[in-house]
């Protein structure tokens, strides 16, 4: 269980900040290891939320001082927040399965790879930053983020794609993805702690030092990959991730047949 916990922390850190779907990878890993621990997501999502806060701390401070920017951010958060709050458990009951992950990896992996490969051909050097989005554009990105509630989609991937389609350059779009995802990831951690308080038993399964070390490892890796995906290499990461998703998706479906 200790090895599996560290592995899940590494997967969460890498797959949350690369557009390859953390939920999809966690489902597959938990399925392979037979893990079903109530409240485990609390210890997986908290480090990634903390990493976003640390990497974009100055940006968050600036947002609080600018009504226009926090309004844009707010409308991008609302759709997924409402859907997740009202129907999150129902969506998990319907879509929480390896086959859904495999299909989504292939579908969105193909779209991601095509978008990254054809970005310059169809858009040129677009310089729009997320601060220049209208609230309508922010809302469109927010509705795209709802799709990330289905495992295998990738929240960072779908919101980055939506941002690019709204005229953002790739690194700005990836940045907006993490800014708008921060409250949702933090909320996911809070829900995990509530489950832990009610019925979880992970604290009796793993030592506190193991839990803390795993979270620390996750924070460090999260910071590294958050900076990578929001750098000038965003398109390259999307191309490679798209190919990886296609391969992984096919392997999952082959494994299940």
C-alpha atoms as a PDB file:
ATOM      1  CA  UNK A   1       0.000   0.000   0.000  1.00  0.00           C
ATOM      2  CA  UNK A   2       2.861   2.407   0.759  1.00  0.00           C
ATOM      3  CA  UNK A   3       4.378   1.943  -2.711  1.00  0.00           C
ATOM      4  CA  UNK A   4       0.967   2.391  -4.324  1.00  0.00           C
ATOM      5  CA  UNK A   5       0.388   5.602  -2.364  1.00  0.00           C
ATOM      6  CA  UNK A   6       3.699   7.109  -3.507  1.00  0.00           C
ATOM      7  CA  UNK A   7       2.933   6.014  -7.056  1.00  0.00           C
ATOM      8  CA  UNK A   8      -0.484   7.698  -6.926  1.00  0.00           C
ATOM      9  CA  UNK A   9       1.122  10.914  -5.656  1.00  0.00           C
ATOM     10  CA  UNK A  10       3.599  10.910  -8.531  1.00  0.00           C
ATOM     11  CA  UNK A  11       0.861  10.184 -11.051  1.00  0.00           C
ATOM     12  CA  UNK A  12      -1.370  12.943  -9.665  1.00  0.00           C
ATOM     13  CA  UNK A  13       1.456  15.486  -9.781  1.00  0.00           C
ATOM     14  CA  UNK A  14       2.501  14.661 -13.342  1.00  0.00           C
ATOM     15  CA  UNK A  15      -0.914  13.998 -14.879  1.00  0.00           C
ATOM     16  CA  UNK A  16      -2.647  17.009 -13.287  1.00  0.00           C
ATOM     17  CA  UNK A  17      -0.179  19.402 -14.870  1.00  0.00           C
ATOM     18  CA  UNK A  18       0.386  17.624 -18.160  1.00  0.00           C
ATOM     19  CA  UNK A  19      -2.716  17.272 -20.367  1.00  0.00           C
ATOM     20  CA  UNK A  20      -3.021  13.504 -19.958  1.00  0.00           C
ATOM     21  CA  UNK A  21      -5.798  13.240 -17.324  1.00  0.00           C
ATOM     22  CA  UNK A  22      -4.925  12.667 -13.692  1.00  0.00           C
ATOM     23  CA  UNK A  23      -8.318  11.118 -12.929  1.00  0.00           C
ATOM     24  CA  UNK A  24      -7.889   8.669 -15.791  1.00  0.00           C
ATOM     25  CA  UNK A  25      -4.449   7.591 -14.633  1.00  0.00           C
ATOM     26  CA  UNK A  26      -5.594   7.288 -11.028  1.00  0.00           C
ATOM     27  CA  UNK A  27      -8.550   5.111 -12.036  1.00  0.00           C
ATOM     28  CA  UNK A  28      -6.309   2.763 -14.013  1.00  0.00           C
ATOM     29  CA  UNK A  29      -3.725   2.601 -11.215  1.00  0.00           C
ATOM     30  CA  UNK A  30      -6.340   2.014  -8.507  1.00  0.00           C
ATOM     31  CA  UNK A  31      -7.954  -0.632 -10.702  1.00  0.00           C
ATOM     32  CA  UNK A  32      -4.649  -2.453 -11.238  1.00  0.00           C
ATOM     33  CA  UNK A  33      -3.726  -2.325  -7.536  1.00  0.00           C
ATOM     34  CA  UNK A  34      -7.251  -2.919  -6.232  1.00  0.00           C
ATOM     35  CA  UNK A  35      -7.182   0.293  -4.197  1.00  0.00           C
ATOM     36  CA  UNK A  36     -10.435   1.659  -2.813  1.00  0.00           C
ATOM     37  CA  UNK A  37      -9.656   3.993   0.058  1.00  0.00           C
ATOM     38  CA  UNK A  38     -12.217   6.591   1.106  1.00  0.00           C
ATOM     39  CA  UNK A  39     -10.663  10.021   1.441  1.00  0.00           C
ATOM     40  CA  UNK A  40      -7.483   9.167  -0.451  1.00  0.00           C
ATOM     41  CA  UNK A  41      -8.166  11.978  -2.949  1.00  0.00           C
ATOM     42  CA  UNK A  42      -7.735  14.479  -0.108  1.00  0.00           C
ATOM     43  CA  UNK A  43      -4.037  13.670   0.126  1.00  0.00           C
ATOM     44  CA  UNK A  44      -3.635  13.616  -3.668  1.00  0.00           C
ATOM     45  CA  UNK A  45      -5.394  16.875  -4.591  1.00  0.00           C
ATOM     46  CA  UNK A  46      -4.150  19.039  -1.723  1.00  0.00           C
ATOM     47  CA  UNK A  47      -0.483  19.048  -2.900  1.00  0.00           C
ATOM     48  CA  UNK A  48      -1.461  19.976  -6.475  1.00  0.00           C
ATOM     49  CA  UNK A  49      -3.674  22.808  -5.232  1.00  0.00           C
ATOM     50  CA  UNK A  50      -0.816  24.019  -3.026  1.00  0.00           C
ATOM     51  CA  UNK A  51       1.596  23.896  -5.983  1.00  0.00           C
ATOM     52  CA  UNK A  52      -0.703  26.061  -8.113  1.00  0.00           C
ATOM     53  CA  UNK A  53      -0.994  28.542  -5.262  1.00  0.00           C
ATOM     54  CA  UNK A  54       2.784  28.731  -4.887  1.00  0.00           C
ATOM     55  CA  UNK A  55       3.608  28.979  -8.608  1.00  0.00           C
ATOM     56  CA  UNK A  56       0.950  31.612  -9.316  1.00  0.00           C
ATOM     57  CA  UNK A  57       0.929  33.384  -5.949  1.00  0.00           C
ATOM     58  CA  UNK A  58       1.780  36.808  -7.392  1.00  0.00           C
ATOM     59  CA  UNK A  59      -0.819  36.327 -10.125  1.00  0.00           C
ATOM     60  CA  UNK A  60      -3.511  35.532  -7.580  1.00  0.00           C
ATOM     61  CA  UNK A  61      -2.620  38.693  -5.635  1.00  0.00           C
ATOM     62  CA  UNK A  62      -2.848  40.763  -8.817  1.00  0.00           C
ATOM     63  CA  UNK A  63      -6.225  39.179  -9.676  1.00  0.00           C
ATOM     64  CA  UNK A  64      -7.675  40.218  -6.326  1.00  0.00           C
ATOM     65  CA  UNK A  65      -6.792  43.829  -7.124  1.00  0.00           C
ATOM     66  CA  UNK A  66      -8.375  43.794 -10.585  1.00  0.00           C
ATOM     67  CA  UNK A  67     -12.151  43.359 -10.789  1.00  0.00           C
ATOM     68  CA  UNK A  68     -12.101  42.527 -14.515  1.00  0.00           C
ATOM     69  CA  UNK A  69      -9.643  39.653 -14.218  1.00  0.00           C
ATOM     70  CA  UNK A  70     -11.242  37.984 -11.206  1.00  0.00           C
ATOM     71  CA  UNK A  71     -14.647  38.282 -12.917  1.00  0.00           C
ATOM     72  CA  UNK A  72     -13.303  36.439 -15.964  1.00  0.00           C
ATOM     73  CA  UNK A  73     -11.786  33.805 -13.709  1.00  0.00           C
ATOM     74  CA  UNK A  74     -15.002  33.437 -11.743  1.00  0.00           C
ATOM     75  CA  UNK A  75     -17.204  32.762 -14.771  1.00  0.00           C
ATOM     76  CA  UNK A  76     -14.702  30.134 -15.933  1.00  0.00           C
ATOM     77  CA  UNK A  77     -15.034  28.335 -12.588  1.00  0.00           C
ATOM     78  CA  UNK A  78     -18.816  28.466 -12.104  1.00  0.00           C
ATOM     79  CA  UNK A  79     -20.023  25.858 -14.668  1.00  0.00           C
ATOM     80  CA  UNK A  80     -17.794  22.995 -13.498  1.00  0.00           C
ATOM     81  CA  UNK A  81     -18.287  24.028  -9.880  1.00  0.00           C
ATOM     82  CA  UNK A  82     -22.077  23.816 -10.143  1.00  0.00           C
ATOM     83  CA  UNK A  83     -22.119  20.585 -12.147  1.00  0.00           C
ATOM     84  CA  UNK A  84     -19.551  18.966  -9.864  1.00  0.00           C
ATOM     85  CA  UNK A  85     -21.454  19.986  -6.725  1.00  0.00           C
ATOM     86  CA  UNK A  86     -24.868  18.858  -7.954  1.00  0.00           C
ATOM     87  CA  UNK A  87     -24.052  15.853 -10.102  1.00  0.00           C
ATOM     88  CA  UNK A  88     -20.448  14.912  -9.292  1.00  0.00           C
ATOM     89  CA  UNK A  89     -21.372  11.641  -7.586  1.00  0.00           C
ATOM     90  CA  UNK A  90     -23.770  10.720 -10.388  1.00  0.00           C
ATOM     91  CA  UNK A  91     -21.096  11.346 -13.006  1.00  0.00           C
ATOM     92  CA  UNK A  92     -18.647   9.177 -11.048  1.00  0.00           C
ATOM     93  CA  UNK A  93     -21.216   6.377 -10.896  1.00  0.00           C
ATOM     94  CA  UNK A  94     -21.725   6.536 -14.670  1.00  0.00           C
ATOM     95  CA  UNK A  95     -18.245   7.240 -16.033  1.00  0.00           C
ATOM     96  CA  UNK A  96     -15.787   5.994 -13.380  1.00  0.00           C
ATOM     97  CA  UNK A  97     -14.413   3.055 -15.378  1.00  0.00           C
ATOM     98  CA  UNK A  98     -11.263   2.096 -17.329  1.00  0.00           C
ATOM     99  CA  UNK A  99     -13.154   1.798 -20.642  1.00  0.00           C
ATOM    100  CA  UNK A 100     -14.348   5.423 -20.421  1.00  0.00           C
ATOM    101  CA  UNK A 101     -10.779   6.457 -19.664  1.00  0.00           C
ATOM    102  CA  UNK A 102      -9.474   4.568 -22.697  1.00  0.00           C
ATOM    103  CA  UNK A 103     -12.028   6.100 -25.073  1.00  0.00           C
ATOM    104  CA  UNK A 104     -11.477   9.614 -23.766  1.00  0.00           C
ATOM    105  CA  UNK A 105      -7.699   9.274 -23.947  1.00  0.00           C
ATOM    106  CA  UNK A 106      -7.960   8.426 -27.642  1.00  0.00           C
ATOM    107  CA  UNK A 107     -10.621  11.017 -28.502  1.00  0.00           C
ATOM    108  CA  UNK A 108      -9.081  14.019 -26.750  1.00  0.00           C
ATOM    109  CA  UNK A 109      -5.539  12.857 -27.463  1.00  0.00           C
ATOM    110  CA  UNK A 110      -6.282  13.016 -31.183  1.00  0.00           C
ATOM    111  CA  UNK A 111      -7.851  16.475 -30.934  1.00  0.00           C
ATOM    112  CA  UNK A 112      -4.984  17.746 -28.801  1.00  0.00           C
ATOM    113  CA  UNK A 113      -2.331  16.445 -31.176  1.00  0.00           C
ATOM    114  CA  UNK A 114      -4.132  17.889 -34.229  1.00  0.00           C
ATOM    115  CA  UNK A 115      -4.611  21.291 -32.569  1.00  0.00           C
ATOM    116  CA  UNK A 116      -0.958  21.538 -31.540  1.00  0.00           C
ATOM    117  CA  UNK A 117       0.294  20.408 -34.956  1.00  0.00           C
ATOM    118  CA  UNK A 118      -1.891  22.909 -36.816  1.00  0.00           C
ATOM    119  CA  UNK A 119      -1.720  25.839 -34.400  1.00  0.00           C
ATOM    120  CA  UNK A 120       0.578  28.073 -36.446  1.00  0.00           C
ATOM    121  CA  UNK A 121      -1.054  27.067 -39.720  1.00  0.00           C
ATOM    122  CA  UNK A 122      -4.507  28.217 -38.661  1.00  0.00           C
ATOM    123  CA  UNK A 123      -3.871  30.896 -36.064  1.00  0.00           C
ATOM    124  CA  UNK A 124      -0.444  32.367 -36.625  1.00  0.00           C
ATOM    125  CA  UNK A 125       1.329  34.013 -33.718  1.00  0.00           C
ATOM    126  CA  UNK A 126      -1.652  34.996 -31.571  1.00  0.00           C
ATOM    127  CA  UNK A 127      -0.545  37.140 -28.649  1.00  0.00           C
ATOM    128  CA  UNK A 128      -3.790  37.470 -26.718  1.00  0.00           C
ATOM    129  CA  UNK A 129      -3.342  37.005 -22.974  1.00  0.00           C
ATOM    130  CA  UNK A 130      -5.991  35.600 -20.647  1.00  0.00           C
ATOM    131  CA  UNK A 131      -6.458  39.058 -19.115  1.00  0.00           C
ATOM    132  CA  UNK A 132      -7.916  40.236 -22.431  1.00  0.00           C
ATOM    133  CA  UNK A 133     -10.628  37.580 -22.501  1.00  0.00           C
ATOM    134  CA  UNK A 134     -14.229  38.749 -22.361  1.00  0.00           C
ATOM    135  CA  UNK A 135     -16.476  37.219 -19.718  1.00  0.00           C
ATOM    136  CA  UNK A 136     -18.302  35.384 -22.535  1.00  0.00           C
ATOM    137  CA  UNK A 137     -15.021  33.788 -23.657  1.00  0.00           C
ATOM    138  CA  UNK A 138     -14.235  32.918 -20.049  1.00  0.00           C
ATOM    139  CA  UNK A 139     -17.646  31.297 -19.721  1.00  0.00           C
ATOM    140  CA  UNK A 140     -17.031  29.204 -22.850  1.00  0.00           C
ATOM    141  CA  UNK A 141     -13.792  27.936 -21.333  1.00  0.00           C
ATOM    142  CA  UNK A 142     -15.727  27.243 -18.148  1.00  0.00           C
ATOM    143  CA  UNK A 143     -18.253  25.094 -19.980  1.00  0.00           C
ATOM    144  CA  UNK A 144     -15.386  23.193 -21.604  1.00  0.00           C
ATOM    145  CA  UNK A 145     -14.014  22.546 -18.122  1.00  0.00           C
ATOM    146  CA  UNK A 146     -17.241  20.696 -17.271  1.00  0.00           C
ATOM    147  CA  UNK A 147     -16.118  17.946 -19.660  1.00  0.00           C
ATOM    148  CA  UNK A 148     -13.143  17.319 -17.386  1.00  0.00           C
ATOM    149  CA  UNK A 149     -15.541  15.817 -14.846  1.00  0.00           C
ATOM    150  CA  UNK A 150     -15.589  12.782 -17.133  1.00  0.00           C
ATOM    151  CA  UNK A 151     -12.440  10.704 -16.394  1.00  0.00           C
ATOM    152  CA  UNK A 152      -9.854  10.565 -19.139  1.00  0.00           C
ATOM    153  CA  UNK A 153     -10.613  14.039 -20.496  1.00  0.00           C
ATOM    154  CA  UNK A 154      -7.943  16.079 -18.633  1.00  0.00           C
ATOM    155  CA  UNK A 155      -8.965  19.334 -17.019  1.00  0.00           C
ATOM    156  CA  UNK A 156      -5.725  21.096 -17.929  1.00  0.00           C
ATOM    157  CA  UNK A 157      -5.952  19.706 -21.457  1.00  0.00           C
ATOM    158  CA  UNK A 158      -9.558  20.645 -22.236  1.00  0.00           C
ATOM    159  CA  UNK A 159      -9.296  24.135 -20.760  1.00  0.00           C
ATOM    160  CA  UNK A 160      -6.008  24.805 -22.560  1.00  0.00           C
ATOM    161  CA  UNK A 161      -7.594  23.680 -25.831  1.00  0.00           C
ATOM    162  CA  UNK A 162     -10.643  25.850 -25.178  1.00  0.00           C
ATOM    163  CA  UNK A 163      -8.415  28.832 -24.415  1.00  0.00           C
ATOM    164  CA  UNK A 164      -6.477  28.371 -27.639  1.00  0.00           C
ATOM    165  CA  UNK A 165      -9.768  28.165 -29.546  1.00  0.00           C
ATOM    166  CA  UNK A 166     -10.749  31.471 -27.899  1.00  0.00           C
ATOM    167  CA  UNK A 167      -7.598  33.164 -29.194  1.00  0.00           C
ATOM    168  CA  UNK A 168      -5.112  32.733 -26.365  1.00  0.00           C
ATOM    169  CA  UNK A 169      -1.537  31.797 -27.079  1.00  0.00           C
ATOM    170  CA  UNK A 170      -0.703  28.321 -25.711  1.00  0.00           C
ATOM    171  CA  UNK A 171       1.266  29.282 -22.602  1.00  0.00           C
ATOM    172  CA  UNK A 172      -1.321  31.891 -21.593  1.00  0.00           C
ATOM    173  CA  UNK A 173      -4.072  29.354 -22.136  1.00  0.00           C
ATOM    174  CA  UNK A 174      -2.276  26.804 -19.950  1.00  0.00           C
ATOM    175  CA  UNK A 175      -1.813  29.452 -17.252  1.00  0.00           C
ATOM    176  CA  UNK A 176      -5.517  30.306 -17.309  1.00  0.00           C
ATOM    177  CA  UNK A 177      -6.264  26.589 -17.104  1.00  0.00           C
ATOM    178  CA  UNK A 178      -4.418  26.264 -13.802  1.00  0.00           C
ATOM    179  CA  UNK A 179      -5.795  29.513 -12.381  1.00  0.00           C
ATOM    180  CA  UNK A 180      -9.382  28.480 -13.114  1.00  0.00           C
ATOM    181  CA  UNK A 181      -8.744  24.932 -11.944  1.00  0.00           C
ATOM    182  CA  UNK A 182      -7.289  25.896  -8.566  1.00  0.00           C
ATOM    183  CA  UNK A 183     -10.628  26.302  -6.707  1.00  0.00           C
ATOM    184  CA  UNK A 184     -11.948  23.050  -8.209  1.00  0.00           C
ATOM    185  CA  UNK A 185      -8.857  21.069  -7.207  1.00  0.00           C
ATOM    186  CA  UNK A 186      -8.961  22.594  -3.726  1.00  0.00           C
ATOM    187  CA  UNK A 187     -12.661  21.690  -3.492  1.00  0.00           C
ATOM    188  CA  UNK A 188     -11.892  18.111  -4.540  1.00  0.00           C
ATOM    189  CA  UNK A 189      -9.391  17.899  -1.695  1.00  0.00           C
ATOM    190  CA  UNK A 190     -11.927  19.319   0.763  1.00  0.00           C
ATOM    191  CA  UNK A 191     -14.503  16.731  -0.330  1.00  0.00           C
ATOM    192  CA  UNK A 192     -11.879  14.043   0.202  1.00  0.00           C
ATOM    193  CA  UNK A 193     -11.258  15.208   3.753  1.00  0.00           C
ATOM    194  CA  UNK A 194     -15.006  15.153   4.435  1.00  0.00           C
ATOM    195  CA  UNK A 195     -15.157  11.555   3.219  1.00  0.00           C
ATOM    196  CA  UNK A 196     -12.149  10.784   5.355  1.00  0.00           C
ATOM    197  CA  UNK A 197     -13.840  12.232   8.434  1.00  0.00           C
ATOM    198  CA  UNK A 198     -16.992  10.185   7.810  1.00  0.00           C
ATOM    199  CA  UNK A 199     -15.799   6.787   6.689  1.00  0.00           C
ATOM    200  CA  UNK A 200     -12.203   6.805   5.553  1.00  0.00           C
ATOM    201  CA  UNK A 201      -9.616   4.461   7.002  1.00  0.00           C
ATOM    202  CA  UNK A 202      -6.477   5.512   5.153  1.00  0.00           C
ATOM    203  CA  UNK A 203      -5.044   7.077   8.329  1.00  0.00           C
ATOM    204  CA  UNK A 204      -5.090   3.663   9.953  1.00  0.00           C
ATOM    205  CA  UNK A 205      -3.525   2.093   6.850  1.00  0.00           C
ATOM    206  CA  UNK A 206      -0.611   4.456   6.251  1.00  0.00           C
ATOM    207  CA  UNK A 207       1.755   6.155   8.724  1.00  0.00           C
ATOM    208  CA  UNK A 208       1.462   9.947   8.985  1.00  0.00           C
ATOM    209  CA  UNK A 209       5.096  10.317   7.888  1.00  0.00           C
ATOM    210  CA  UNK A 210       4.318   8.370   4.709  1.00  0.00           C
ATOM    211  CA  UNK A 211       1.327  10.583   3.976  1.00  0.00           C
ATOM    212  CA  UNK A 212       3.385  13.743   4.473  1.00  0.00           C
ATOM    213  CA  UNK A 213       6.347  12.517   2.421  1.00  0.00           C
ATOM    214  CA  UNK A 214       4.048  11.554  -0.429  1.00  0.00           C
ATOM    215  CA  UNK A 215       2.414  14.970  -0.352  1.00  0.00           C
ATOM    216  CA  UNK A 216       5.794  16.710  -0.278  1.00  0.00           C
ATOM    217  CA  UNK A 217       6.982  14.731  -3.282  1.00  0.00           C
ATOM    218  CA  UNK A 218       3.783  15.631  -5.100  1.00  0.00           C
ATOM    219  CA  UNK A 219       4.203  19.362  -4.407  1.00  0.00           C
ATOM    220  CA  UNK A 220       7.748  19.392  -5.825  1.00  0.00           C
ATOM    221  CA  UNK A 221       6.810  17.467  -8.972  1.00  0.00           C
ATOM    222  CA  UNK A 222       3.667  19.556  -9.428  1.00  0.00           C
ATOM    223  CA  UNK A 223       5.678  22.788  -9.402  1.00  0.00           C
ATOM    224  CA  UNK A 224       8.097  21.409 -11.999  1.00  0.00           C
ATOM    225  CA  UNK A 225       5.390  20.278 -14.420  1.00  0.00           C
ATOM    226  CA  UNK A 226       3.205  23.349 -13.870  1.00  0.00           C
ATOM    227  CA  UNK A 227       6.118  25.537 -14.956  1.00  0.00           C
ATOM    228  CA  UNK A 228       6.864  23.259 -17.899  1.00  0.00           C
ATOM    229  CA  UNK A 229       3.335  23.340 -19.302  1.00  0.00           C
ATOM    230  CA  UNK A 230       3.039  27.131 -18.921  1.00  0.00           C
ATOM    231  CA  UNK A 231       6.403  27.785 -20.582  1.00  0.00           C
ATOM    232  CA  UNK A 232       7.221  28.367 -24.248  1.00  0.00           C
ATOM    233  CA  UNK A 233       7.074  24.583 -24.685  1.00  0.00           C
ATOM    234  CA  UNK A 234       3.295  24.281 -24.227  1.00  0.00           C
ATOM    235  CA  UNK A 235       2.649  23.206 -27.829  1.00  0.00           C
ATOM    236  CA  UNK A 236       5.436  20.630 -27.724  1.00  0.00           C
ATOM    237  CA  UNK A 237       4.026  19.187 -24.499  1.00  0.00           C
ATOM    238  CA  UNK A 238       0.594  18.996 -26.136  1.00  0.00           C
ATOM    239  CA  UNK A 239       1.970  17.191 -29.204  1.00  0.00           C
ATOM    240  CA  UNK A 240       3.847  14.621 -27.140  1.00  0.00           C
ATOM    241  CA  UNK A 241       0.932  14.231 -24.733  1.00  0.00           C
ATOM    242  CA  UNK A 242      -1.458  13.710 -27.629  1.00  0.00           C
ATOM    243  CA  UNK A 243       0.626  10.862 -29.003  1.00  0.00           C
ATOM    244  CA  UNK A 244       1.024   9.369 -25.532  1.00  0.00           C
ATOM    245  CA  UNK A 245      -2.733   9.520 -24.969  1.00  0.00           C
ATOM    246  CA  UNK A 246      -3.466   7.772 -28.258  1.00  0.00           C
ATOM    247  CA  UNK A 247      -1.070   4.948 -27.417  1.00  0.00           C
ATOM    248  CA  UNK A 248      -2.294   4.637 -23.822  1.00  0.00           C
ATOM    249  CA  UNK A 249      -5.936   4.675 -24.864  1.00  0.00           C
ATOM    250  CA  UNK A 250      -5.460   1.877 -27.373  1.00  0.00           C
ATOM    251  CA  UNK A 251      -3.485  -0.172 -24.838  1.00  0.00           C
ATOM    252  CA  UNK A 252      -6.249   0.217 -22.257  1.00  0.00           C
ATOM    253  CA  UNK A 253      -8.940  -0.877 -24.693  1.00  0.00           C
ATOM    254  CA  UNK A 254      -6.845  -3.818 -25.886  1.00  0.00           C
ATOM    255  CA  UNK A 255      -6.204  -4.832 -22.266  1.00  0.00           C
ATOM    256  CA  UNK A 256      -9.934  -4.738 -21.510  1.00  0.00           C
ATOM    257  CA  UNK A 257     -10.940  -6.881 -24.506  1.00  0.00           C
END
